[in-house]
Amino acid sequence: SLAASIPEVATDAMLQAGLMLSNDLGLEKKNPQEAAKWFQRAAELGNPGAMFALGECYQLSAGVTRDPRLALWWIKKAADQSEVNALNRLGDIYNKGIPGIVEPDLKTAFTYFSAAKNLGFPAAYGNLGALFMKAPPGMKDEKMAVDLFKQGMEKGDPRSMYFYAVCLENGLGGLAGDKGTAQEWYVKAAELGVPNAQSWCRDNKVSFTPPARPAR
């Protein structure tokens, strides 16, 4: 097949070209349309990272016309190859649902977030913990959630820091209420760009340094 005849390094180069065009990396300005073309080429040649990136393009209307069904198709195709971003995104999709396309399904969301977590993807720890927090009786497990938030924090996941702060402030999951230590984690999460943590800091008149914008 054509895909088998193209070296992996070549499709990785196509993916990197697309990422540069979509993120201003070393370029004067973004070109999302051209980026999507590179993602499409690499995706069709079997590159899972490009499949996920192309799915994102269709999900976010970045360089292509928004198409939630096609986005889901490409993201699932990437997840089938254990692409961690895709696994985590599918967890988010099944957690929230897509009107007319995907019904919210916590068990399926658990499956995808767990797969991403088992591959060490930092954000999946916080996402999985949040599911354990909000799950119905029989699935809800606040102590497990807190443990996942701690693991996510150790991996540097900002949202895990925020979730842990919420648990610490409110004494959830077996934690003693400790607003002082919680505040430290709210600030860390805020400084890493978590909007809810920034809102908490503003509401509680706690100062923080917003994350710097990437240099152009």
C-alpha atoms as a PDB file:
ATOM      1  CA  SER A   1       0.000   0.000   0.000  1.00  0.00           C
ATOM      2  CA  LEU A   2       0.996   3.632  -0.396  1.00  0.00           C
ATOM      3  CA  ALA A   3       0.966   4.177   3.372  1.00  0.00           C
ATOM      4  CA  ALA A   4       3.349   1.265   3.890  1.00  0.00           C
ATOM      5  CA  SER A   5       5.756   2.698   1.324  1.00  0.00           C
ATOM      6  CA  ILE A   6       6.022   6.093   3.043  1.00  0.00           C
ATOM      7  CA  PRO A   7       8.542   6.115   5.920  1.00  0.00           C
ATOM      8  CA  GLU A   8       7.135   7.105   9.320  1.00  0.00           C
ATOM      9  CA  VAL A   9       9.683   9.919   9.510  1.00  0.00           C
ATOM     10  CA  ALA A  10       8.121  11.440   6.380  1.00  0.00           C
ATOM     11  CA  THR A  11       4.605  11.500   7.827  1.00  0.00           C
ATOM     12  CA  ASP A  12       6.011  12.897  11.090  1.00  0.00           C
ATOM     13  CA  ALA A  13       7.581  15.696   9.039  1.00  0.00           C
ATOM     14  CA  MET A  14       4.193  16.392   7.431  1.00  0.00           C
ATOM     15  CA  LEU A  15       2.611  16.534  10.890  1.00  0.00           C
ATOM     16  CA  GLN A  16       5.286  18.949  12.110  1.00  0.00           C
ATOM     17  CA  ALA A  17       4.747  21.142   9.059  1.00  0.00           C
ATOM     18  CA  GLY A  18       1.063  21.307   9.898  1.00  0.00           C
ATOM     19  CA  LEU A  19       1.763  22.126  13.542  1.00  0.00           C
ATOM     20  CA  MET A  20       4.132  24.934  12.533  1.00  0.00           C
ATOM     21  CA  LEU A  21       1.506  26.399  10.210  1.00  0.00           C
ATOM     22  CA  SER A  22      -1.237  26.142  12.846  1.00  0.00           C
ATOM     23  CA  ASN A  23       0.786  27.539  15.766  1.00  0.00           C
ATOM     24  CA  ASP A  24       2.972  30.313  14.311  1.00  0.00           C
ATOM     25  CA  LEU A  25       6.108  28.298  15.069  1.00  0.00           C
ATOM     26  CA  GLY A  26       8.916  30.063  13.248  1.00  0.00           C
ATOM     27  CA  LEU A  27       6.459  31.686  10.861  1.00  0.00           C
ATOM     28  CA  GLU A  28       5.164  35.220  10.445  1.00  0.00           C
ATOM     29  CA  LYS A  29       1.522  34.188  10.706  1.00  0.00           C
ATOM     30  CA  LYS A  30      -0.717  31.164  10.979  1.00  0.00           C
ATOM     31  CA  ASN A  31      -2.069  29.419   7.906  1.00  0.00           C
ATOM     32  CA  PRO A  32      -4.744  27.019   9.202  1.00  0.00           C
ATOM     33  CA  GLN A  33      -5.915  26.043   5.703  1.00  0.00           C
ATOM     34  CA  GLU A  34      -2.421  24.912   4.692  1.00  0.00           C
ATOM     35  CA  ALA A  35      -1.945  23.242   8.085  1.00  0.00           C
ATOM     36  CA  ALA A  36      -5.095  21.187   7.574  1.00  0.00           C
ATOM     37  CA  LYS A  37      -3.805  20.055   4.174  1.00  0.00           C
ATOM     38  CA  TRP A  38      -0.592  18.732   5.745  1.00  0.00           C
ATOM     39  CA  PHE A  39      -2.550  16.990   8.501  1.00  0.00           C
ATOM     40  CA  GLN A  40      -4.794  15.418   5.855  1.00  0.00           C
ATOM     41  CA  ARG A  41      -1.818  14.111   3.864  1.00  0.00           C
ATOM     42  CA  ALA A  42      -0.158  12.574   6.903  1.00  0.00           C
ATOM     43  CA  ALA A  43      -3.438  11.227   8.286  1.00  0.00           C
ATOM     44  CA  GLU A  44      -4.280   9.475   5.046  1.00  0.00           C
ATOM     45  CA  LEU A  45      -0.817   7.894   5.166  1.00  0.00           C
ATOM     46  CA  GLY A  46      -1.542   6.470   8.610  1.00  0.00           C
ATOM     47  CA  ASN A  47       0.039   8.957  11.046  1.00  0.00           C
ATOM     48  CA  PRO A  48      -2.067   8.839  14.266  1.00  0.00           C
ATOM     49  CA  GLY A  49      -0.908  12.250  15.503  1.00  0.00           C
ATOM     50  CA  ALA A  50      -2.028  13.775  12.218  1.00  0.00           C
ATOM     51  CA  MET A  51      -5.356  11.945  12.447  1.00  0.00           C
ATOM     52  CA  PHE A  52      -5.980  13.587  15.808  1.00  0.00           C
ATOM     53  CA  ALA A  53      -4.837  16.996  14.548  1.00  0.00           C
ATOM     54  CA  LEU A  54      -7.139  16.716  11.530  1.00  0.00           C
ATOM     55  CA  GLY A  55      -9.999  15.701  13.807  1.00  0.00           C
ATOM     56  CA  GLU A  56      -9.340  18.812  15.873  1.00  0.00           C
ATOM     57  CA  CYS A  57      -9.445  20.916  12.717  1.00  0.00           C
ATOM     58  CA  TYR A  58     -12.918  19.600  11.896  1.00  0.00           C
ATOM     59  CA  GLN A  59     -13.992  19.951  15.518  1.00  0.00           C
ATOM     60  CA  LEU A  60     -12.817  23.562  15.842  1.00  0.00           C
ATOM     61  CA  SER A  61     -13.328  24.758  12.256  1.00  0.00           C
ATOM     62  CA  ALA A  62      -9.593  25.407  11.899  1.00  0.00           C
ATOM     63  CA  GLY A  63      -8.744  25.656   8.216  1.00  0.00           C
ATOM     64  CA  VAL A  64     -11.703  23.468   7.194  1.00  0.00           C
ATOM     65  CA  THR A  65     -15.489  23.675   7.479  1.00  0.00           C
ATOM     66  CA  ARG A  66     -16.643  22.472  10.897  1.00  0.00           C
ATOM     67  CA  ASP A  67     -17.864  18.883  10.725  1.00  0.00           C
ATOM     68  CA  PRO A  68     -18.422  17.174  14.096  1.00  0.00           C
ATOM     69  CA  ARG A  69     -19.056  13.767  12.524  1.00  0.00           C
ATOM     70  CA  LEU A  70     -15.854  13.840  10.495  1.00  0.00           C
ATOM     71  CA  ALA A  71     -13.983  15.159  13.556  1.00  0.00           C
ATOM     72  CA  LEU A  72     -15.221  12.203  15.589  1.00  0.00           C
ATOM     73  CA  TRP A  73     -14.296   9.770  12.797  1.00  0.00           C
ATOM     74  CA  TRP A  74     -10.676  10.962  12.636  1.00  0.00           C
ATOM     75  CA  ILE A  75     -10.286  11.212  16.410  1.00  0.00           C
ATOM     76  CA  LYS A  76     -11.594   7.650  16.814  1.00  0.00           C
ATOM     77  CA  LYS A  77      -9.234   6.463  14.090  1.00  0.00           C
ATOM     78  CA  ALA A  78      -6.311   8.005  16.014  1.00  0.00           C
ATOM     79  CA  ALA A  79      -7.531   6.519  19.301  1.00  0.00           C
ATOM     80  CA  ASP A  80      -7.636   3.076  17.684  1.00  0.00           C
ATOM     81  CA  GLN A  81      -3.851   3.451  17.385  1.00  0.00           C
ATOM     82  CA  SER A  82      -3.539   4.471  21.061  1.00  0.00           C
ATOM     83  CA  GLU A  83      -2.868   8.147  20.310  1.00  0.00           C
ATOM     84  CA  VAL A  84      -3.141   9.582  23.834  1.00  0.00           C
ATOM     85  CA  ASN A  85      -4.533  12.996  22.866  1.00  0.00           C
ATOM     86  CA  ALA A  86      -7.276  11.238  20.919  1.00  0.00           C
ATOM     87  CA  LEU A  87      -8.099   8.866  23.776  1.00  0.00           C
ATOM     88  CA  ASN A  88      -8.363  11.781  26.182  1.00  0.00           C
ATOM     89  CA  ARG A  89     -10.475  13.808  23.715  1.00  0.00           C
ATOM     90  CA  LEU A  90     -12.882  10.917  23.212  1.00  0.00           C
ATOM     91  CA  GLY A  91     -13.287  10.753  26.971  1.00  0.00           C
ATOM     92  CA  ASP A  92     -14.244  14.419  26.912  1.00  0.00           C
ATOM     93  CA  ILE A  93     -16.607  13.911  23.960  1.00  0.00           C
ATOM     94  CA  TYR A  94     -18.449  11.023  25.641  1.00  0.00           C
ATOM     95  CA  ASN A  95     -18.495  12.872  28.956  1.00  0.00           C
ATOM     96  CA  LYS A  96     -20.236  15.910  27.462  1.00  0.00           C
ATOM     97  CA  GLY A  97     -21.848  14.463  24.346  1.00  0.00           C
ATOM     98  CA  ILE A  98     -22.349  16.057  20.930  1.00  0.00           C
ATOM     99  CA  PRO A  99     -25.980  17.036  20.237  1.00  0.00           C
ATOM    100  CA  GLY A 100     -27.474  14.770  17.595  1.00  0.00           C
ATOM    101  CA  ILE A 101     -24.296  12.695  17.273  1.00  0.00           C
ATOM    102  CA  VAL A 102     -23.083  11.359  20.630  1.00  0.00           C
ATOM    103  CA  GLU A 103     -25.168  10.910  23.761  1.00  0.00           C
ATOM    104  CA  PRO A 104     -23.315  11.553  27.046  1.00  0.00           C
ATOM    105  CA  ASP A 105     -22.046   8.187  28.296  1.00  0.00           C
ATOM    106  CA  LEU A 106     -20.025   8.191  31.516  1.00  0.00           C
ATOM    107  CA  LYS A 107     -18.965   4.554  31.236  1.00  0.00           C
ATOM    108  CA  THR A 108     -17.501   5.090  27.771  1.00  0.00           C
ATOM    109  CA  ALA A 109     -15.854   8.301  28.977  1.00  0.00           C
ATOM    110  CA  PHE A 110     -14.320   6.328  31.866  1.00  0.00           C
ATOM    111  CA  THR A 111     -12.956   3.794  29.380  1.00  0.00           C
ATOM    112  CA  TYR A 112     -11.237   6.389  27.204  1.00  0.00           C
ATOM    113  CA  PHE A 113      -9.904   8.528  30.065  1.00  0.00           C
ATOM    114  CA  SER A 114      -8.582   5.368  31.753  1.00  0.00           C
ATOM    115  CA  ALA A 115      -6.797   4.303  28.575  1.00  0.00           C
ATOM    116  CA  ALA A 116      -5.150   7.736  28.282  1.00  0.00           C
ATOM    117  CA  LYS A 117      -4.231   7.694  31.984  1.00  0.00           C
ATOM    118  CA  ASN A 118      -2.693   4.234  31.683  1.00  0.00           C
ATOM    119  CA  LEU A 119      -0.441   5.627  28.953  1.00  0.00           C
ATOM    120  CA  GLY A 120       0.675   8.383  31.348  1.00  0.00           C
ATOM    121  CA  PHE A 121      -1.188  11.304  29.734  1.00  0.00           C
ATOM    122  CA  PRO A 122      -1.210  14.041  32.449  1.00  0.00           C
ATOM    123  CA  ALA A 123      -4.600  15.639  31.707  1.00  0.00           C
ATOM    124  CA  ALA A 124      -6.370  12.262  31.813  1.00  0.00           C
ATOM    125  CA  TYR A 125      -5.717  11.951  35.558  1.00  0.00           C
ATOM    126  CA  GLY A 126      -7.703  15.082  36.331  1.00  0.00           C
ATOM    127  CA  ASN A 127     -10.424  14.212  33.839  1.00  0.00           C
ATOM    128  CA  LEU A 128     -10.829  10.715  35.241  1.00  0.00           C
ATOM    129  CA  GLY A 129     -10.838  12.047  38.795  1.00  0.00           C
ATOM    130  CA  ALA A 130     -13.548  14.566  37.895  1.00  0.00           C
ATOM    131  CA  LEU A 131     -15.692  11.708  36.576  1.00  0.00           C
ATOM    132  CA  PHE A 132     -15.288   9.794  39.813  1.00  0.00           C
ATOM    133  CA  MET A 133     -16.427  12.955  41.635  1.00  0.00           C
ATOM    134  CA  LYS A 134     -19.599  13.506  39.620  1.00  0.00           C
ATOM    135  CA  ALA A 135     -20.539   9.894  38.852  1.00  0.00           C
ATOM    136  CA  PRO A 136     -23.838   8.438  40.087  1.00  0.00           C
ATOM    137  CA  PRO A 137     -23.938   6.148  43.148  1.00  0.00           C
ATOM    138  CA  GLY A 138     -22.100   2.927  42.486  1.00  0.00           C
ATOM    139  CA  MET A 139     -19.472   4.686  40.383  1.00  0.00           C
ATOM    140  CA  LYS A 140     -18.813   7.773  42.515  1.00  0.00           C
ATOM    141  CA  ASP A 141     -15.579   7.535  44.516  1.00  0.00           C
ATOM    142  CA  GLU A 142     -14.248  10.760  46.026  1.00  0.00           C
ATOM    143  CA  LYS A 143     -11.156   9.137  47.549  1.00  0.00           C
ATOM    144  CA  MET A 144     -10.190   7.655  44.183  1.00  0.00           C
ATOM    145  CA  ALA A 145     -10.766  11.074  42.627  1.00  0.00           C
ATOM    146  CA  VAL A 146      -8.418  12.765  45.091  1.00  0.00           C
ATOM    147  CA  ASP A 147      -5.774  10.102  44.491  1.00  0.00           C
ATOM    148  CA  LEU A 148      -6.004  10.718  40.740  1.00  0.00           C
ATOM    149  CA  PHE A 149      -5.776  14.488  41.248  1.00  0.00           C
ATOM    150  CA  LYS A 150      -2.603  13.965  43.297  1.00  0.00           C
ATOM    151  CA  GLN A 151      -1.094  11.792  40.561  1.00  0.00           C
ATOM    152  CA  GLY A 152      -2.045  14.377  37.947  1.00  0.00           C
ATOM    153  CA  MET A 153      -0.441  17.124  40.028  1.00  0.00           C
ATOM    154  CA  GLU A 154       2.778  15.127  40.203  1.00  0.00           C
ATOM    155  CA  LYS A 155       2.746  15.030  36.407  1.00  0.00           C
ATOM    156  CA  GLY A 156       2.238  18.793  36.246  1.00  0.00           C
ATOM    157  CA  ASP A 157      -1.396  18.799  35.111  1.00  0.00           C
ATOM    158  CA  PRO A 158      -2.877  22.248  35.928  1.00  0.00           C
ATOM    159  CA  ARG A 159      -6.514  21.103  36.098  1.00  0.00           C
ATOM    160  CA  SER A 160      -5.591  18.358  38.568  1.00  0.00           C
ATOM    161  CA  MET A 161      -4.103  21.108  40.742  1.00  0.00           C
ATOM    162  CA  TYR A 162      -7.370  23.033  40.556  1.00  0.00           C
ATOM    163  CA  PHE A 163      -9.522  19.992  41.321  1.00  0.00           C
ATOM    164  CA  TYR A 164      -7.292  19.074  44.254  1.00  0.00           C
ATOM    165  CA  ALA A 165      -7.606  22.613  45.593  1.00  0.00           C
ATOM    166  CA  VAL A 166     -11.407  22.347  45.445  1.00  0.00           C
ATOM    167  CA  CYS A 167     -11.293  19.067  47.372  1.00  0.00           C
ATOM    168  CA  LEU A 168      -8.871  20.481  49.908  1.00  0.00           C
ATOM    169  CA  GLU A 169     -10.898  23.635  50.471  1.00  0.00           C
ATOM    170  CA  ASN A 170     -14.147  21.719  50.915  1.00  0.00           C
ATOM    171  CA  GLY A 171     -12.830  18.671  52.755  1.00  0.00           C
ATOM    172  CA  LEU A 172     -13.775  16.183  50.036  1.00  0.00           C
ATOM    173  CA  GLY A 173     -12.411  12.688  49.466  1.00  0.00           C
ATOM    174  CA  GLY A 174     -11.149  12.253  52.996  1.00  0.00           C
ATOM    175  CA  LEU A 175      -9.141  15.492  53.008  1.00  0.00           C
ATOM    176  CA  ALA A 176      -9.352  17.858  55.961  1.00  0.00           C
ATOM    177  CA  GLY A 177     -10.607  21.302  54.985  1.00  0.00           C
ATOM    178  CA  ASP A 178      -7.518  23.481  54.542  1.00  0.00           C
ATOM    179  CA  LYS A 179      -8.203  26.731  52.702  1.00  0.00           C
ATOM    180  CA  GLY A 180      -4.642  27.984  53.178  1.00  0.00           C
ATOM    181  CA  THR A 181      -3.011  25.075  51.349  1.00  0.00           C
ATOM    182  CA  ALA A 182      -5.895  25.016  48.885  1.00  0.00           C
ATOM    183  CA  GLN A 183      -5.147  28.646  48.060  1.00  0.00           C
ATOM    184  CA  GLU A 184      -1.568  27.738  47.149  1.00  0.00           C
ATOM    185  CA  TRP A 185      -2.838  25.192  44.627  1.00  0.00           C
ATOM    186  CA  TYR A 186      -5.470  27.575  43.268  1.00  0.00           C
ATOM    187  CA  VAL A 187      -2.700  30.094  42.612  1.00  0.00           C
ATOM    188  CA  LYS A 188      -0.478  27.498  40.927  1.00  0.00           C
ATOM    189  CA  ALA A 189      -3.344  26.396  38.698  1.00  0.00           C
ATOM    190  CA  ALA A 190      -4.274  30.006  37.929  1.00  0.00           C
ATOM    191  CA  GLU A 191      -0.708  30.819  36.950  1.00  0.00           C
ATOM    192  CA  LEU A 192      -0.770  27.825  34.593  1.00  0.00           C
ATOM    193  CA  GLY A 193      -3.857  29.207  32.876  1.00  0.00           C
ATOM    194  CA  VAL A 194      -6.832  27.341  34.424  1.00  0.00           C
ATOM    195  CA  PRO A 195      -9.810  29.754  34.061  1.00  0.00           C
ATOM    196  CA  ASN A 196     -11.754  28.410  37.072  1.00  0.00           C
ATOM    197  CA  ALA A 197      -8.696  28.799  39.285  1.00  0.00           C
ATOM    198  CA  GLN A 198      -8.196  32.354  38.026  1.00  0.00           C
ATOM    199  CA  SER A 199     -11.843  33.128  38.807  1.00  0.00           C
ATOM    200  CA  TRP A 200     -11.430  31.712  42.321  1.00  0.00           C
ATOM    201  CA  CYS A 201      -8.391  33.927  42.892  1.00  0.00           C
ATOM    202  CA  ARG A 202     -10.233  37.019  41.671  1.00  0.00           C
ATOM    203  CA  ASP A 203     -13.338  36.234  43.727  1.00  0.00           C
ATOM    204  CA  ASN A 204     -11.199  35.730  46.834  1.00  0.00           C
ATOM    205  CA  LYS A 205      -8.961  38.728  46.086  1.00  0.00           C
ATOM    206  CA  VAL A 206      -5.871  36.526  45.804  1.00  0.00           C
ATOM    207  CA  SER A 207      -3.152  37.793  43.490  1.00  0.00           C
ATOM    208  CA  PHE A 208      -1.552  35.628  40.826  1.00  0.00           C
ATOM    209  CA  THR A 209       0.682  36.130  37.808  1.00  0.00           C
ATOM    210  CA  PRO A 210      -1.141  35.227  34.580  1.00  0.00           C
ATOM    211  CA  PRO A 211       0.813  32.952  32.229  1.00  0.00           C
ATOM    212  CA  ALA A 212       2.945  34.789  29.689  1.00  0.00           C
ATOM    213  CA  ARG A 213       1.822  34.675  26.094  1.00  0.00           C
ATOM    214  CA  PRO A 214       4.126  32.751  23.770  1.00  0.00           C
ATOM    215  CA  ALA A 215       6.661  34.940  21.959  1.00  0.00           C
ATOM    216  CA  ARG A 216       5.792  35.684  18.341  1.00  0.00           C
END
